[in-house]
């Protein structure tokens, strides 16, 4: 686990080679087919060095949430173990990892129509307005969730609208105390300056490697409304293609959005019992 660009994939692949492991990806964008460059999917060399599971596993318009991924990951882990190998879960979608290890609160299933209604509110009134609605009915969840985290904010509102019971109460009752898998958590850490340098280099490399053309192709094939298209980086490229962002501003916008995302990831990790690993350049020279 660790912030984006901290070196998770490189370390996981090296560990697989050393101990006979296979990677189970916990990345909510890499799981989609055709979202390749901007998600930082492992390349041919990395795939040859270590088998990867749940990379390019579902179609771009298919919906997957934490519970759905956790079920797929549990099956992948069982398969890896059945062959005498060691599963190494690697990724930055921490809610998914939490769902895998501890399950999720037994709240009702999502409601697509309701979620779309919340999306319209966010588009018309802004995400802050949607977050304010959550604060009015579930202040504990609102305190925990960032206003820009549309998926989790809308999910918390869904649960309240369906059950008249705040998501925070569902989660409190669950407790997340009983682990479903024996595991050890490792978190990668490096200085903000180093992480920013890596994010900037990665964004420049991906743009030079055809990221814009990839997004153009995805839009032409009808995937403009895919969930992954609204993720960090893809959203900025999409905005540039739509004329909402100037081309020369694109790289800076991607770096800025990625840094904000990385800070949120680091904050989440501060509340998890992880063994910290130094991800400085002297320790790992190939961030991903």
Protein backbone atom coordinates (compact mmCIF):
# COMPACT_ATOMS: atom_id res chain seq x y z
CA UNK A 1 0.00 0.00 0.00
CA UNK A 2 1.09 3.57 -0.47
CA UNK A 3 0.38 6.82 -2.30
CA UNK A 4 0.34 6.85 -6.08
CA UNK A 5 3.86 6.92 -7.60
CA UNK A 6 5.47 5.67 -4.38
CA UNK A 7 6.87 2.51 -6.00
CA UNK A 8 4.31 -0.15 -5.05
CA UNK A 9 4.36 -2.14 -8.29
CA UNK A 10 8.15 -2.25 -8.56
CA UNK A 11 8.46 -3.48 -4.99
CA UNK A 12 5.65 -6.04 -5.37
CA UNK A 13 7.22 -7.51 -8.52
CA UNK A 14 10.65 -7.72 -6.91
CA UNK A 15 9.11 -9.40 -3.87
CA UNK A 16 7.27 -11.90 -6.07
CA UNK A 17 10.55 -12.92 -7.67
CA UNK A 18 12.21 -13.35 -4.30
CA UNK A 19 9.54 -15.35 -2.45
CA UNK A 20 7.51 -17.00 -5.21
CA UNK A 21 4.55 -14.65 -5.22
CA UNK A 22 1.86 -13.36 -7.54
CA UNK A 23 0.36 -9.88 -7.55
CA UNK A 24 -3.33 -9.29 -6.85
CA UNK A 25 -3.99 -5.73 -8.02
CA UNK A 26 -6.02 -3.44 -5.77
CA UNK A 27 -6.31 -0.57 -8.24
CA UNK A 28 -9.75 0.72 -9.18
CA UNK A 29 -8.58 1.92 -12.64
CA UNK A 30 -6.18 -0.86 -13.63
CA UNK A 31 -9.04 -3.32 -13.18
CA UNK A 32 -10.66 -1.91 -16.36
CA UNK A 33 -9.67 -3.04 -19.83
CA UNK A 34 -8.34 -0.40 -22.25
CA UNK A 35 -7.55 2.15 -19.51
CA UNK A 36 -3.86 1.37 -19.80
CA UNK A 37 -1.44 4.29 -19.97
CA UNK A 38 -3.01 6.63 -17.43
CA UNK A 39 -3.59 3.87 -14.89
CA UNK A 40 0.05 2.84 -14.84
CA UNK A 41 -0.68 -0.79 -15.64
CA UNK A 42 2.28 -3.14 -15.38
CA UNK A 43 4.15 -3.45 -18.65
CA UNK A 44 5.26 -6.56 -20.51
CA UNK A 45 8.47 -6.84 -18.52
CA UNK A 46 6.68 -6.66 -15.17
CA UNK A 47 4.01 -9.13 -16.29
CA UNK A 48 6.73 -11.51 -17.43
CA UNK A 49 8.50 -11.25 -14.09
CA UNK A 50 5.38 -11.81 -11.96
CA UNK A 51 1.83 -12.98 -12.72
CA UNK A 52 -0.79 -10.30 -12.06
CA UNK A 53 -4.46 -10.82 -11.18
CA UNK A 54 -7.37 -8.37 -11.57
CA UNK A 55 -5.57 -6.20 -14.11
CA UNK A 56 -7.72 -5.57 -17.22
CA UNK A 57 -10.33 -7.84 -15.67
CA UNK A 58 -13.59 -6.08 -16.55
CA UNK A 59 -15.06 -3.98 -19.37
CA UNK A 60 -14.94 -0.17 -19.09
CA UNK A 61 -18.71 0.24 -18.63
CA UNK A 62 -19.04 -2.58 -16.12
CA UNK A 63 -19.65 -1.48 -12.54
CA UNK A 64 -17.46 -2.79 -9.75
CA UNK A 65 -17.41 -1.69 -6.13
CA UNK A 66 -15.42 -2.64 -3.05
CA UNK A 67 -17.57 -5.67 -2.27
CA UNK A 68 -17.43 -6.96 -5.85
CA UNK A 69 -13.68 -6.53 -6.07
CA UNK A 70 -13.15 -8.14 -2.65
CA UNK A 71 -15.02 -11.24 -3.84
CA UNK A 72 -12.87 -11.46 -6.98
CA UNK A 73 -9.71 -10.86 -4.97
CA UNK A 74 -10.61 -13.58 -2.46
CA UNK A 75 -10.98 -16.07 -5.32
CA UNK A 76 -7.68 -14.97 -6.85
CA UNK A 77 -5.93 -15.33 -3.49
CA UNK A 78 -7.35 -18.83 -3.03
CA UNK A 79 -6.13 -19.78 -6.50
CA UNK A 80 -2.64 -18.44 -5.85
CA UNK A 81 -2.41 -20.26 -2.52
CA UNK A 82 -3.74 -23.50 -4.03
CA UNK A 83 -0.74 -23.53 -6.35
CA UNK A 84 1.68 -23.06 -3.48
CA UNK A 85 2.40 -19.43 -4.30
CA UNK A 86 2.16 -16.32 -2.08
CA UNK A 87 -0.46 -13.66 -2.90
CA UNK A 88 0.79 -10.08 -2.71
CA UNK A 89 -2.02 -7.54 -2.80
CA UNK A 90 -0.73 -4.31 -4.29
CA UNK A 91 -2.55 -1.05 -4.93
CA UNK A 92 -3.74 2.31 -3.73
CA UNK A 93 -7.49 1.73 -3.52
CA UNK A 94 -7.47 1.30 0.23
CA UNK A 95 -11.21 0.85 0.72
CA UNK A 96 -11.00 -2.23 -1.47
CA UNK A 97 -8.16 -3.64 0.63
CA UNK A 98 -10.17 -2.92 3.78
CA UNK A 99 -13.17 -4.72 2.28
CA UNK A 100 -10.97 -7.71 1.44
CA UNK A 101 -9.48 -7.96 4.92
CA UNK A 102 -12.48 -7.08 7.08
CA UNK A 103 -15.58 -7.09 4.90
CA UNK A 104 -18.00 -4.20 4.65
CA UNK A 105 -20.90 -2.98 6.72
CA UNK A 106 -24.10 -4.86 5.88
CA UNK A 107 -25.71 -1.82 4.28
CA UNK A 108 -28.19 -2.15 1.38
CA UNK A 109 -27.01 -2.55 -2.20
CA UNK A 110 -26.46 0.55 -4.27
CA UNK A 111 -29.23 2.22 -6.25
CA UNK A 112 -28.11 3.30 -9.73
CA UNK A 113 -30.96 5.77 -10.26
CA UNK A 114 -30.34 7.43 -6.92
CA UNK A 115 -26.61 7.60 -7.59
CA UNK A 116 -27.26 9.25 -10.96
CA UNK A 117 -29.47 11.81 -9.21
CA UNK A 118 -26.65 12.66 -6.84
CA UNK A 119 -24.31 12.96 -9.80
CA UNK A 120 -26.59 15.55 -11.38
CA UNK A 121 -26.63 17.50 -8.12
CA UNK A 122 -22.83 17.44 -8.02
CA UNK A 123 -22.60 18.61 -11.64
CA UNK A 124 -25.14 21.42 -11.24
CA UNK A 125 -24.54 22.60 -7.67
CA UNK A 126 -21.01 21.31 -7.09
CA UNK A 127 -19.57 18.53 -5.00
CA UNK A 128 -19.39 20.79 -1.96
CA UNK A 129 -23.19 21.10 -2.06
CA UNK A 130 -23.56 17.32 -2.11
CA UNK A 131 -21.13 17.05 0.79
CA UNK A 132 -23.21 19.63 2.70
CA UNK A 133 -26.27 17.39 2.26
CA UNK A 134 -24.33 14.54 3.80
CA UNK A 135 -23.17 16.67 6.69
CA UNK A 136 -26.78 17.49 7.49
CA UNK A 137 -27.80 13.83 7.86
CA UNK A 138 -24.54 12.04 8.71
CA UNK A 139 -21.96 14.45 10.17
CA UNK A 140 -19.61 11.61 11.18
CA UNK A 141 -19.31 10.37 7.59
CA UNK A 142 -19.03 13.93 6.29
CA UNK A 143 -16.14 14.58 8.66
CA UNK A 144 -14.33 11.50 7.36
CA UNK A 145 -14.96 12.01 3.63
CA UNK A 146 -13.43 14.70 1.44
CA UNK A 147 -16.01 16.84 -0.44
CA UNK A 148 -14.45 15.77 -3.76
CA UNK A 149 -14.88 12.07 -2.98
CA UNK A 150 -18.11 11.81 -4.95
CA UNK A 151 -18.33 8.02 -4.94
CA UNK A 152 -18.24 7.61 -1.16
CA UNK A 153 -20.24 10.76 -0.43
CA UNK A 154 -23.01 9.66 -2.76
CA UNK A 155 -22.89 6.13 -1.35
CA UNK A 156 -23.34 7.45 2.19
CA UNK A 157 -26.30 9.54 1.02
CA UNK A 158 -27.76 6.50 -0.76
CA UNK A 159 -27.63 4.44 2.40
CA UNK A 160 -29.30 7.17 4.43
CA UNK A 161 -32.03 7.74 1.83
CA UNK A 162 -32.79 4.01 1.61
CA UNK A 163 -32.62 3.14 5.32
CA UNK A 164 -32.96 6.46 7.22
CA UNK A 165 -29.87 5.28 9.09
CA UNK A 166 -26.49 6.99 8.65
CA UNK A 167 -23.67 5.06 7.01
CA UNK A 168 -21.52 5.85 10.05
CA UNK A 169 -23.95 3.87 12.22
CA UNK A 170 -23.82 0.87 9.86
CA UNK A 171 -20.03 0.97 10.01
CA UNK A 172 -19.96 1.40 13.78
CA UNK A 173 -22.11 -1.70 14.20
CA UNK A 174 -19.86 -3.69 11.86
CA UNK A 175 -16.73 -2.77 13.80
CA UNK A 176 -14.24 -4.07 11.19
CA UNK A 177 -12.55 -6.00 14.00
CA UNK A 178 -12.39 -9.56 12.63
CA UNK A 179 -9.87 -10.16 9.87
CA UNK A 180 -10.89 -12.55 7.09
CA UNK A 181 -7.32 -13.14 5.93
CA UNK A 182 -4.05 -13.49 7.79
CA UNK A 183 -1.95 -10.67 6.39
CA UNK A 184 0.77 -8.15 7.01
CA UNK A 185 0.39 -4.60 5.71
CA UNK A 186 3.32 -2.64 4.34
CA UNK A 187 3.12 1.07 3.55
CA UNK A 188 5.55 2.91 1.30
CA UNK A 189 6.59 6.40 2.35
CA UNK A 190 8.80 9.11 0.86
CA UNK A 191 9.15 12.86 1.18
CA UNK A 192 6.59 15.16 -0.50
CA UNK A 193 9.34 16.62 -2.70
CA UNK A 194 10.40 13.20 -3.96
CA UNK A 195 6.81 12.12 -4.53
CA UNK A 196 6.02 15.31 -6.47
CA UNK A 197 9.10 14.75 -8.64
CA UNK A 198 7.95 11.21 -9.40
CA UNK A 199 4.40 12.32 -10.15
CA UNK A 200 5.66 15.00 -12.53
CA UNK A 201 8.02 12.62 -14.34
CA UNK A 202 5.34 9.99 -14.63
CA UNK A 203 2.74 12.41 -16.01
CA UNK A 204 5.20 13.72 -18.60
CA UNK A 205 6.15 10.20 -19.63
CA UNK A 206 2.57 9.03 -19.97
CA UNK A 207 1.59 12.08 -22.03
CA UNK A 208 4.58 11.53 -24.30
CA UNK A 209 3.65 7.86 -24.51
CA UNK A 210 0.19 8.44 -25.99
CA UNK A 211 -2.13 9.11 -23.04
CA UNK A 212 -4.10 11.78 -24.92
CA UNK A 213 -4.53 9.47 -27.90
CA UNK A 214 -5.68 6.69 -25.56
CA UNK A 215 -8.41 8.91 -24.11
CA UNK A 216 -9.45 10.04 -27.59
CA UNK A 217 -9.81 6.41 -28.61
CA UNK A 218 -11.79 5.54 -25.48
CA UNK A 219 -14.21 8.38 -26.16
CA UNK A 220 -14.62 7.35 -29.79
CA UNK A 221 -15.51 3.83 -28.66
CA UNK A 222 -18.29 5.07 -26.40
CA UNK A 223 -16.50 5.03 -23.05
CA UNK A 224 -16.74 8.75 -22.32
CA UNK A 225 -19.09 8.08 -19.40
CA UNK A 226 -17.10 5.19 -17.97
CA UNK A 227 -16.37 5.54 -14.27
CA UNK A 228 -12.63 5.33 -14.89
CA UNK A 229 -12.84 8.38 -17.16
CA UNK A 230 -13.56 10.50 -14.09
CA UNK A 231 -10.45 9.32 -12.23
CA UNK A 232 -7.42 11.48 -11.48
CA UNK A 233 -5.54 12.22 -14.68
CA UNK A 234 -8.11 10.82 -17.06
CA UNK A 235 -10.53 13.55 -15.95
CA UNK A 236 -7.98 16.23 -16.81
CA UNK A 237 -7.17 14.76 -20.24
CA UNK A 238 -10.88 14.44 -20.93
CA UNK A 239 -11.40 18.09 -19.92
CA UNK A 240 -8.65 19.20 -22.28
CA UNK A 241 -10.17 17.27 -25.18
CA UNK A 242 -13.55 18.84 -24.37
CA UNK A 243 -12.04 22.32 -24.57
CA UNK A 244 -12.34 22.96 -20.84
CA UNK A 245 -8.57 23.01 -20.29
CA UNK A 246 -5.78 24.36 -22.48
CA UNK A 247 -3.25 21.89 -23.80
CA UNK A 248 -0.29 23.67 -22.23
CA UNK A 249 -2.03 23.56 -18.85
CA UNK A 250 -2.72 19.81 -18.96
CA UNK A 251 0.43 18.41 -17.39
CA UNK A 252 0.33 20.93 -14.53
CA UNK A 253 -3.33 20.13 -13.89
CA UNK A 254 -2.62 16.39 -13.79
CA UNK A 255 0.27 16.85 -11.38
CA UNK A 256 -1.81 19.09 -9.12
CA UNK A 257 -4.76 16.68 -9.01
CA UNK A 258 -2.46 13.69 -8.43
CA UNK A 259 -0.69 15.43 -5.55
CA UNK A 260 -4.04 16.11 -3.86
CA UNK A 261 -5.01 12.48 -4.34
CA UNK A 262 -1.67 11.27 -2.94
CA UNK A 263 -2.11 13.44 0.17
CA UNK A 264 -5.51 11.87 0.80
CA UNK A 265 -4.00 8.41 0.42
CA UNK A 266 -1.21 9.25 2.88
CA UNK A 267 -3.75 10.55 5.40
CA UNK A 268 -5.69 7.28 5.16
CA UNK A 269 -2.53 5.26 5.75
CA UNK A 270 -1.84 7.16 8.97
CA UNK A 271 -4.82 5.38 10.53
CA UNK A 272 -3.79 1.86 9.47
CA UNK A 273 -1.38 -0.45 11.33
CA UNK A 274 1.26 -0.78 8.62
CA UNK A 275 4.95 -1.56 8.60
CA UNK A 276 6.55 1.44 6.92
CA UNK A 277 9.07 1.02 4.09
CA UNK A 278 11.37 3.77 2.90
CA UNK A 279 10.51 4.40 -0.76
CA UNK A 280 13.24 7.00 -1.31
CA UNK A 281 15.23 6.92 -4.59
CA UNK A 282 18.12 5.11 -2.90
CA UNK A 283 15.75 2.27 -1.96
CA UNK A 284 13.51 2.02 -5.06
CA UNK A 285 14.44 3.68 -8.34
CA UNK A 286 11.38 2.72 -10.42
CA UNK A 287 8.16 4.32 -9.07
CA UNK A 288 4.80 3.06 -10.23
